[in-house]
Protein backbone atom coordinates (compact mmCIF):
# COMPACT_ATOMS: atom_id res chain seq x y z
CA UNK A 1 0.00 0.00 0.00
CA UNK A 2 1.45 3.36 -0.97
CA UNK A 3 1.43 6.43 1.21
CA UNK A 4 -1.47 8.80 0.64
CA UNK A 5 0.79 11.79 1.21
CA UNK A 6 3.99 12.48 -0.67
CA UNK A 7 7.24 12.24 1.25
CA UNK A 8 8.02 15.89 1.85
CA UNK A 9 9.62 17.81 4.64
CA UNK A 10 7.17 18.46 7.47
CA UNK A 11 5.55 21.87 7.48
CA UNK A 12 5.94 24.18 10.45
CA UNK A 13 2.79 24.84 12.41
CA UNK A 14 2.24 28.13 14.21
CA UNK A 15 0.56 27.71 17.58
CA UNK A 16 -0.86 31.00 18.79
CA UNK A 17 0.16 32.16 22.21
CA UNK A 18 -2.59 33.05 24.61
CA UNK A 19 -0.64 36.13 25.66
CA UNK A 20 -1.13 37.62 22.18
CA UNK A 21 -4.34 39.65 22.12
CA UNK A 22 -5.39 38.93 18.52
CA UNK A 23 -4.51 35.25 18.84
CA UNK A 24 -6.55 34.95 22.01
CA UNK A 25 -9.57 36.53 20.26
CA UNK A 26 -9.25 34.00 17.42
CA UNK A 27 -8.95 31.07 19.85
CA UNK A 28 -12.04 32.21 21.76
CA UNK A 29 -14.02 32.81 18.57
CA UNK A 30 -13.17 29.39 17.14
CA UNK A 31 -13.74 27.60 20.45
CA UNK A 32 -17.20 29.14 20.78
CA UNK A 33 -18.15 27.74 17.36
CA UNK A 34 -16.81 24.29 18.27
CA UNK A 35 -18.89 24.35 21.45
CA UNK A 36 -22.02 25.39 19.55
CA UNK A 37 -21.53 22.55 17.06
CA UNK A 38 -21.06 20.05 19.90
CA UNK A 39 -24.23 21.22 21.66
CA UNK A 40 -26.21 20.98 18.42
CA UNK A 41 -24.90 17.47 17.83
CA UNK A 42 -25.90 16.36 21.34
CA UNK A 43 -29.16 18.33 21.32
CA UNK A 44 -30.38 18.69 17.70
CA UNK A 45 -33.38 20.75 18.83
CA UNK A 46 -31.11 23.42 20.37
CA UNK A 47 -31.23 26.74 18.58
CA UNK A 48 -28.07 28.84 18.64
CA UNK A 49 -28.91 32.48 19.32
CA UNK A 50 -25.77 34.47 20.13
CA UNK A 51 -22.24 33.54 21.11
CA UNK A 52 -19.55 36.19 21.03
CA UNK A 53 -16.15 36.06 22.61
CA UNK A 54 -15.80 38.26 25.65
CA UNK A 55 -12.90 39.59 27.70
CA UNK A 56 -12.59 36.49 29.89
CA UNK A 57 -13.62 33.79 27.42
CA UNK A 58 -16.79 33.24 25.41
CA UNK A 59 -20.41 32.23 25.80
CA UNK A 60 -23.35 31.03 23.75
CA UNK A 61 -27.06 31.38 24.39
CA UNK A 62 -29.28 28.55 23.23
CA UNK A 63 -33.06 28.28 22.97
PDB file of N, CA and C in Angstrom:
ATOM      1  N   UNK A   1       0.842  -1.162   0.000  1.00  0.00           N
ATOM      2  CA  UNK A   1       0.000   0.000   0.000  1.00  0.00           C
ATOM      3  C   UNK A   1       0.894   1.234   0.000  1.00  0.00           C
ATOM      4  N   UNK A   2       0.625   2.153  -0.893  1.00  0.00           N
ATOM      5  CA  UNK A   2       1.446   3.360  -0.972  1.00  0.00           C
ATOM      6  C   UNK A   2       0.938   4.422   0.001  1.00  0.00           C
ATOM      7  N   UNK A   3       1.816   5.336   0.318  1.00  0.00           N
ATOM      8  CA  UNK A   3       1.427   6.433   1.212  1.00  0.00           C
ATOM      9  C   UNK A   3       0.467   7.369   0.498  1.00  0.00           C
ATOM     10  N   UNK A   4      -0.517   7.863   1.222  1.00  0.00           N
ATOM     11  CA  UNK A   4      -1.467   8.803   0.643  1.00  0.00           C
ATOM     12  C   UNK A   4      -0.840  10.180   0.467  1.00  0.00           C
ATOM     13  N   UNK A   5       0.136  10.496   1.296  1.00  0.00           N
ATOM     14  CA  UNK A   5       0.790  11.791   1.212  1.00  0.00           C
ATOM     15  C   UNK A   5       2.197  11.619   0.659  1.00  0.00           C
ATOM     16  N   UNK A   6       2.622  12.578  -0.153  1.00  0.00           N
ATOM     17  CA  UNK A   6       3.992  12.481  -0.674  1.00  0.00           C
ATOM     18  C   UNK A   6       5.006  12.663   0.449  1.00  0.00           C
ATOM     19  N   UNK A   7       6.168  12.098   0.256  1.00  0.00           N
ATOM     20  CA  UNK A   7       7.241  12.243   1.248  1.00  0.00           C
ATOM     21  C   UNK A   7       7.894  13.606   1.074  1.00  0.00           C
ATOM     22  N   UNK A   8       7.467  14.538   1.872  1.00  0.00           N
ATOM     23  CA  UNK A   8       8.020  15.886   1.848  1.00  0.00           C
ATOM     24  C   UNK A   8       8.466  16.250   3.256  1.00  0.00           C
ATOM     25  N   UNK A   9       9.211  17.319   3.332  1.00  0.00           N
ATOM     26  CA  UNK A   9       9.619  17.808   4.642  1.00  0.00           C
ATOM     27  C   UNK A   9       8.379  18.275   5.400  1.00  0.00           C
ATOM     28  N   UNK A  10       8.324  18.014   6.695  1.00  0.00           N
ATOM     29  CA  UNK A  10       7.166  18.461   7.473  1.00  0.00           C
ATOM     30  C   UNK A  10       7.041  19.982   7.461  1.00  0.00           C
ATOM     31  N   UNK A  11       5.819  20.441   7.428  1.00  0.00           N
ATOM     32  CA  UNK A  11       5.555  21.875   7.480  1.00  0.00           C
ATOM     33  C   UNK A  11       5.616  22.348   8.924  1.00  0.00           C
ATOM     34  N   UNK A  12       5.959  23.593   9.111  1.00  0.00           N
ATOM     35  CA  UNK A  12       5.943  24.178  10.447  1.00  0.00           C
ATOM     36  C   UNK A  12       4.524  24.637  10.746  1.00  0.00           C
ATOM     37  N   UNK A  13       4.121  24.437  11.975  1.00  0.00           N
ATOM     38  CA  UNK A  13       2.794  24.844  12.407  1.00  0.00           C
ATOM     39  C   UNK A  13       2.952  25.947  13.437  1.00  0.00           C
ATOM     40  N   UNK A  14       2.207  27.021  13.262  1.00  0.00           N
ATOM     41  CA  UNK A  14       2.235  28.129  14.209  1.00  0.00           C
ATOM     42  C   UNK A  14       1.140  27.919  15.243  1.00  0.00           C
ATOM     43  N   UNK A  15       1.526  27.813  16.493  1.00  0.00           N
ATOM     44  CA  UNK A  15       0.564  27.708  17.582  1.00  0.00           C
ATOM     45  C   UNK A  15       0.457  29.071  18.240  1.00  0.00           C
ATOM     46  N   UNK A  16      -0.726  29.661  18.204  1.00  0.00           N
ATOM     47  CA  UNK A  16      -0.864  30.997  18.786  1.00  0.00           C
ATOM     48  C   UNK A  16      -0.633  30.986  20.287  1.00  0.00           C
ATOM     49  N   UNK A  17      -0.082  32.031  20.776  1.00  0.00           N
ATOM     50  CA  UNK A  17       0.163  32.163  22.209  1.00  0.00           C
ATOM     51  C   UNK A  17      -1.014  32.906  22.828  1.00  0.00           C
ATOM     52  N   UNK A  18      -1.444  32.420  23.969  1.00  0.00           N
ATOM     53  CA  UNK A  18      -2.594  33.051  24.607  1.00  0.00           C
ATOM     54  C   UNK A  18      -2.273  34.443  25.132  1.00  0.00           C
ATOM     55  N   UNK A  19      -1.008  34.791  25.197  1.00  0.00           N
ATOM     56  CA  UNK A  19      -0.641  36.130  25.657  1.00  0.00           C
ATOM     57  C   UNK A  19      -0.789  37.165  24.545  1.00  0.00           C
ATOM     58  N   UNK A  20      -0.967  36.711  23.311  1.00  0.00           N
ATOM     59  CA  UNK A  20      -1.129  37.622  22.182  1.00  0.00           C
ATOM     60  C   UNK A  20      -2.610  37.948  22.023  1.00  0.00           C
ATOM     61  N   UNK A  21      -2.949  39.211  22.115  1.00  0.00           N
ATOM     62  CA  UNK A  21      -4.339  39.650  22.125  1.00  0.00           C
ATOM     63  C   UNK A  21      -5.139  39.143  20.924  1.00  0.00           C
ATOM     64  N   UNK A  22      -4.651  39.351  19.710  1.00  0.00           N
ATOM     65  CA  UNK A  22      -5.392  38.932  18.516  1.00  0.00           C
ATOM     66  C   UNK A  22      -5.503  37.413  18.444  1.00  0.00           C
ATOM     67  N   UNK A  23      -4.465  36.714  18.832  1.00  0.00           N
ATOM     68  CA  UNK A  23      -4.508  35.251  18.837  1.00  0.00           C
ATOM     69  C   UNK A  23      -5.540  34.750  19.830  1.00  0.00           C
ATOM     70  N   UNK A  24      -5.596  35.360  20.988  1.00  0.00           N
ATOM     71  CA  UNK A  24      -6.555  34.952  22.006  1.00  0.00           C
ATOM     72  C   UNK A  24      -7.985  35.171  21.519  1.00  0.00           C
ATOM     73  N   UNK A  25      -8.237  36.268  20.827  1.00  0.00           N
ATOM     74  CA  UNK A  25      -9.570  36.526  20.259  1.00  0.00           C
ATOM     75  C   UNK A  25      -9.940  35.427  19.259  1.00  0.00           C
ATOM     76  N   UNK A  26      -8.990  35.044  18.421  1.00  0.00           N
ATOM     77  CA  UNK A  26      -9.246  33.996  17.423  1.00  0.00           C
ATOM     78  C   UNK A  26      -9.524  32.653  18.092  1.00  0.00           C
ATOM     79  N   UNK A  27      -8.749  32.328  19.128  1.00  0.00           N
ATOM     80  CA  UNK A  27      -8.955  31.072  19.853  1.00  0.00           C
ATOM     81  C   UNK A  27     -10.342  31.057  20.478  1.00  0.00           C
ATOM     82  N   UNK A  28     -10.725  32.140  21.122  1.00  0.00           N
ATOM     83  CA  UNK A  28     -12.043  32.209  21.760  1.00  0.00           C
ATOM     84  C   UNK A  28     -13.161  32.136  20.731  1.00  0.00           C
ATOM     85  N   UNK A  29     -13.000  32.821  19.617  1.00  0.00           N
ATOM     86  CA  UNK A  29     -14.018  32.807  18.570  1.00  0.00           C
ATOM     87  C   UNK A  29     -14.206  31.391  18.024  1.00  0.00           C
ATOM     88  N   UNK A  30     -13.111  30.744  17.692  1.00  0.00           N
ATOM     89  CA  UNK A  30     -13.173  29.388  17.145  1.00  0.00           C
ATOM     90  C   UNK A  30     -13.732  28.405  18.162  1.00  0.00           C
ATOM     91  N   UNK A  31     -13.281  28.507  19.406  1.00  0.00           N
ATOM     92  CA  UNK A  31     -13.745  27.599  20.450  1.00  0.00           C
ATOM     93  C   UNK A  31     -15.238  27.741  20.684  1.00  0.00           C
ATOM     94  N   UNK A  32     -15.759  28.957  20.596  1.00  0.00           N
ATOM     95  CA  UNK A  32     -17.200  29.142  20.783  1.00  0.00           C
ATOM     96  C   UNK A  32     -17.982  28.436  19.687  1.00  0.00           C
ATOM     97  N   UNK A  33     -17.480  28.457  18.453  1.00  0.00           N
ATOM     98  CA  UNK A  33     -18.148  27.745  17.359  1.00  0.00           C
ATOM     99  C   UNK A  33     -18.083  26.229  17.555  1.00  0.00           C
ATOM    100  N   UNK A  34     -16.951  25.734  18.011  1.00  0.00           N
ATOM    101  CA  UNK A  34     -16.814  24.294  18.268  1.00  0.00           C
ATOM    102  C   UNK A  34     -17.807  23.863  19.343  1.00  0.00           C
ATOM    103  N   UNK A  35     -17.933  24.673  20.401  1.00  0.00           N
ATOM    104  CA  UNK A  35     -18.886  24.345  21.453  1.00  0.00           C
ATOM    105  C   UNK A  35     -20.313  24.340  20.914  1.00  0.00           C
ATOM    106  N   UNK A  36     -20.668  25.331  20.112  1.00  0.00           N
ATOM    107  CA  UNK A  36     -22.020  25.393  19.550  1.00  0.00           C
ATOM    108  C   UNK A  36     -22.309  24.166  18.692  1.00  0.00           C
ATOM    109  N   UNK A  37     -21.345  23.741  17.894  1.00  0.00           N
ATOM    110  CA  UNK A  37     -21.528  22.549  17.061  1.00  0.00           C
ATOM    111  C   UNK A  37     -21.708  21.307  17.924  1.00  0.00           C
ATOM    112  N   UNK A  38     -20.947  21.206  19.010  1.00  0.00           N
ATOM    113  CA  UNK A  38     -21.064  20.050  19.904  1.00  0.00           C
ATOM    114  C   UNK A  38     -22.432  20.016  20.571  1.00  0.00           C
ATOM    115  N   UNK A  39     -22.909  21.169  21.030  1.00  0.00           N
ATOM    116  CA  UNK A  39     -24.232  21.223  21.661  1.00  0.00           C
ATOM    117  C   UNK A  39     -25.306  20.827  20.659  1.00  0.00           C
ATOM    118  N   UNK A  40     -25.211  21.320  19.428  1.00  0.00           N
ATOM    119  CA  UNK A  40     -26.208  20.975  18.416  1.00  0.00           C
ATOM    120  C   UNK A  40     -26.162  19.497  18.054  1.00  0.00           C
ATOM    121  N   UNK A  41     -24.997  18.903  18.109  1.00  0.00           N
ATOM    122  CA  UNK A  41     -24.903  17.467  17.828  1.00  0.00           C
ATOM    123  C   UNK A  41     -25.551  16.657  18.951  1.00  0.00           C
ATOM    124  N   UNK A  42     -25.313  17.066  20.197  1.00  0.00           N
ATOM    125  CA  UNK A  42     -25.899  16.363  21.340  1.00  0.00           C
ATOM    126  C   UNK A  42     -27.387  16.660  21.503  1.00  0.00           C
ATOM    127  N   UNK A  43     -27.774  17.880  21.159  1.00  0.00           N
ATOM    128  CA  UNK A  43     -29.164  18.327  21.319  1.00  0.00           C
ATOM    129  C   UNK A  43     -29.625  18.968  20.013  1.00  0.00           C
ATOM    130  N   UNK A  44     -30.033  18.164  19.026  1.00  0.00           N
ATOM    131  CA  UNK A  44     -30.383  18.693  17.700  1.00  0.00           C
ATOM    132  C   UNK A  44     -31.464  19.770  17.726  1.00  0.00           C
ATOM    133  N   UNK A  45     -32.303  19.758  18.754  1.00  0.00           N
ATOM    134  CA  UNK A  45     -33.376  20.749  18.826  1.00  0.00           C
ATOM    135  C   UNK A  45     -32.878  22.106  19.346  1.00  0.00           C
ATOM    136  N   UNK A  46     -31.664  22.161  19.844  1.00  0.00           N
ATOM    137  CA  UNK A  46     -31.114  23.416  20.375  1.00  0.00           C
ATOM    138  C   UNK A  46     -30.942  24.432  19.254  1.00  0.00           C
ATOM    139  N   UNK A  47     -31.371  25.643  19.526  1.00  0.00           N
ATOM    140  CA  UNK A  47     -31.227  26.739  18.576  1.00  0.00           C
ATOM    141  C   UNK A  47     -30.159  27.702  19.086  1.00  0.00           C
ATOM    142  N   UNK A  48     -29.143  27.922  18.279  1.00  0.00           N
ATOM    143  CA  UNK A  48     -28.069  28.844  18.639  1.00  0.00           C
ATOM    144  C   UNK A  48     -28.593  30.265  18.448  1.00  0.00           C
ATOM    145  N   UNK A  49     -28.432  31.108  19.455  1.00  0.00           N
ATOM    146  CA  UNK A  49     -28.909  32.481  19.319  1.00  0.00           C
ATOM    147  C   UNK A  49     -27.756  33.474  19.195  1.00  0.00           C
ATOM    148  N   UNK A  50     -26.888  33.532  20.177  1.00  0.00           N
ATOM    149  CA  UNK A  50     -25.771  34.470  20.132  1.00  0.00           C
ATOM    150  C   UNK A  50     -24.595  33.840  20.876  1.00  0.00           C
ATOM    151  N   UNK A  51     -23.390  34.148  20.447  1.00  0.00           N
ATOM    152  CA  UNK A  51     -22.242  33.545  21.108  1.00  0.00           C
ATOM    153  C   UNK A  51     -20.941  34.250  20.824  1.00  0.00           C
ATOM    154  N   UNK A  52     -20.798  35.478  21.286  1.00  0.00           N
ATOM    155  CA  UNK A  52     -19.552  36.191  21.030  1.00  0.00           C
ATOM    156  C   UNK A  52     -18.445  35.826  22.015  1.00  0.00           C
ATOM    157  N   UNK A  53     -17.236  36.164  21.653  1.00  0.00           N
ATOM    158  CA  UNK A  53     -16.150  36.062  22.614  1.00  0.00           C
ATOM    159  C   UNK A  53     -16.247  37.296  23.499  1.00  0.00           C
ATOM    160  N   UNK A  54     -15.804  37.146  24.709  1.00  0.00           N
ATOM    161  CA  UNK A  54     -15.800  38.260  25.653  1.00  0.00           C
ATOM    162  C   UNK A  54     -14.420  38.356  26.287  1.00  0.00           C
ATOM    163  N   UNK A  55     -14.225  39.327  27.128  1.00  0.00           N
ATOM    164  CA  UNK A  55     -12.902  39.587  27.698  1.00  0.00           C
ATOM    165  C   UNK A  55     -12.295  38.382  28.400  1.00  0.00           C
ATOM    166  N   UNK A  56     -13.115  37.611  29.109  1.00  0.00           N
ATOM    167  CA  UNK A  56     -12.590  36.489  29.890  1.00  0.00           C
ATOM    168  C   UNK A  56     -12.906  35.131  29.292  1.00  0.00           C
ATOM    169  N   UNK A  57     -13.299  35.076  28.042  1.00  0.00           N
ATOM    170  CA  UNK A  57     -13.620  33.793  27.417  1.00  0.00           C
ATOM    171  C   UNK A  57     -14.646  33.949  26.320  1.00  0.00           C
ATOM    172  N   UNK A  58     -15.724  33.166  26.396  1.00  0.00           N
ATOM    173  CA  UNK A  58     -16.787  33.238  25.407  1.00  0.00           C
ATOM    174  C   UNK A  58     -18.038  32.642  26.019  1.00  0.00           C
ATOM    175  N   UNK A  59     -19.173  32.858  25.360  1.00  0.00           N
ATOM    176  CA  UNK A  59     -20.408  32.229  25.802  1.00  0.00           C
ATOM    177  C   UNK A  59     -21.330  32.053  24.604  1.00  0.00           C
ATOM    178  N   UNK A  60     -22.304  31.224  24.753  1.00  0.00           N
ATOM    179  CA  UNK A  60     -23.353  31.033  23.750  1.00  0.00           C
ATOM    180  C   UNK A  60     -24.674  30.935  24.473  1.00  0.00           C
ATOM    181  N   UNK A  61     -25.693  31.544  23.904  1.00  0.00           N
ATOM    182  CA  UNK A  61     -27.058  31.382  24.387  1.00  0.00           C
ATOM    183  C   UNK A  61     -27.758  30.418  23.446  1.00  0.00           C
ATOM    184  N   UNK A  62     -28.513  29.509  24.018  1.00  0.00           N
ATOM    185  CA  UNK A  62     -29.279  28.546  23.231  1.00  0.00           C
ATOM    186  C   UNK A  62     -30.740  28.628  23.640  1.00  0.00           C
ATOM    187  N   UNK A  63     -31.623  28.420  22.680  1.00  0.00           N
ATOM    188  CA  UNK A  63     -33.056  28.283  22.966  1.00  0.00           C
ATOM    189  C   UNK A  63     -33.433  26.837  22.834  1.00  0.00           C
TER     190      UNK A  63
END
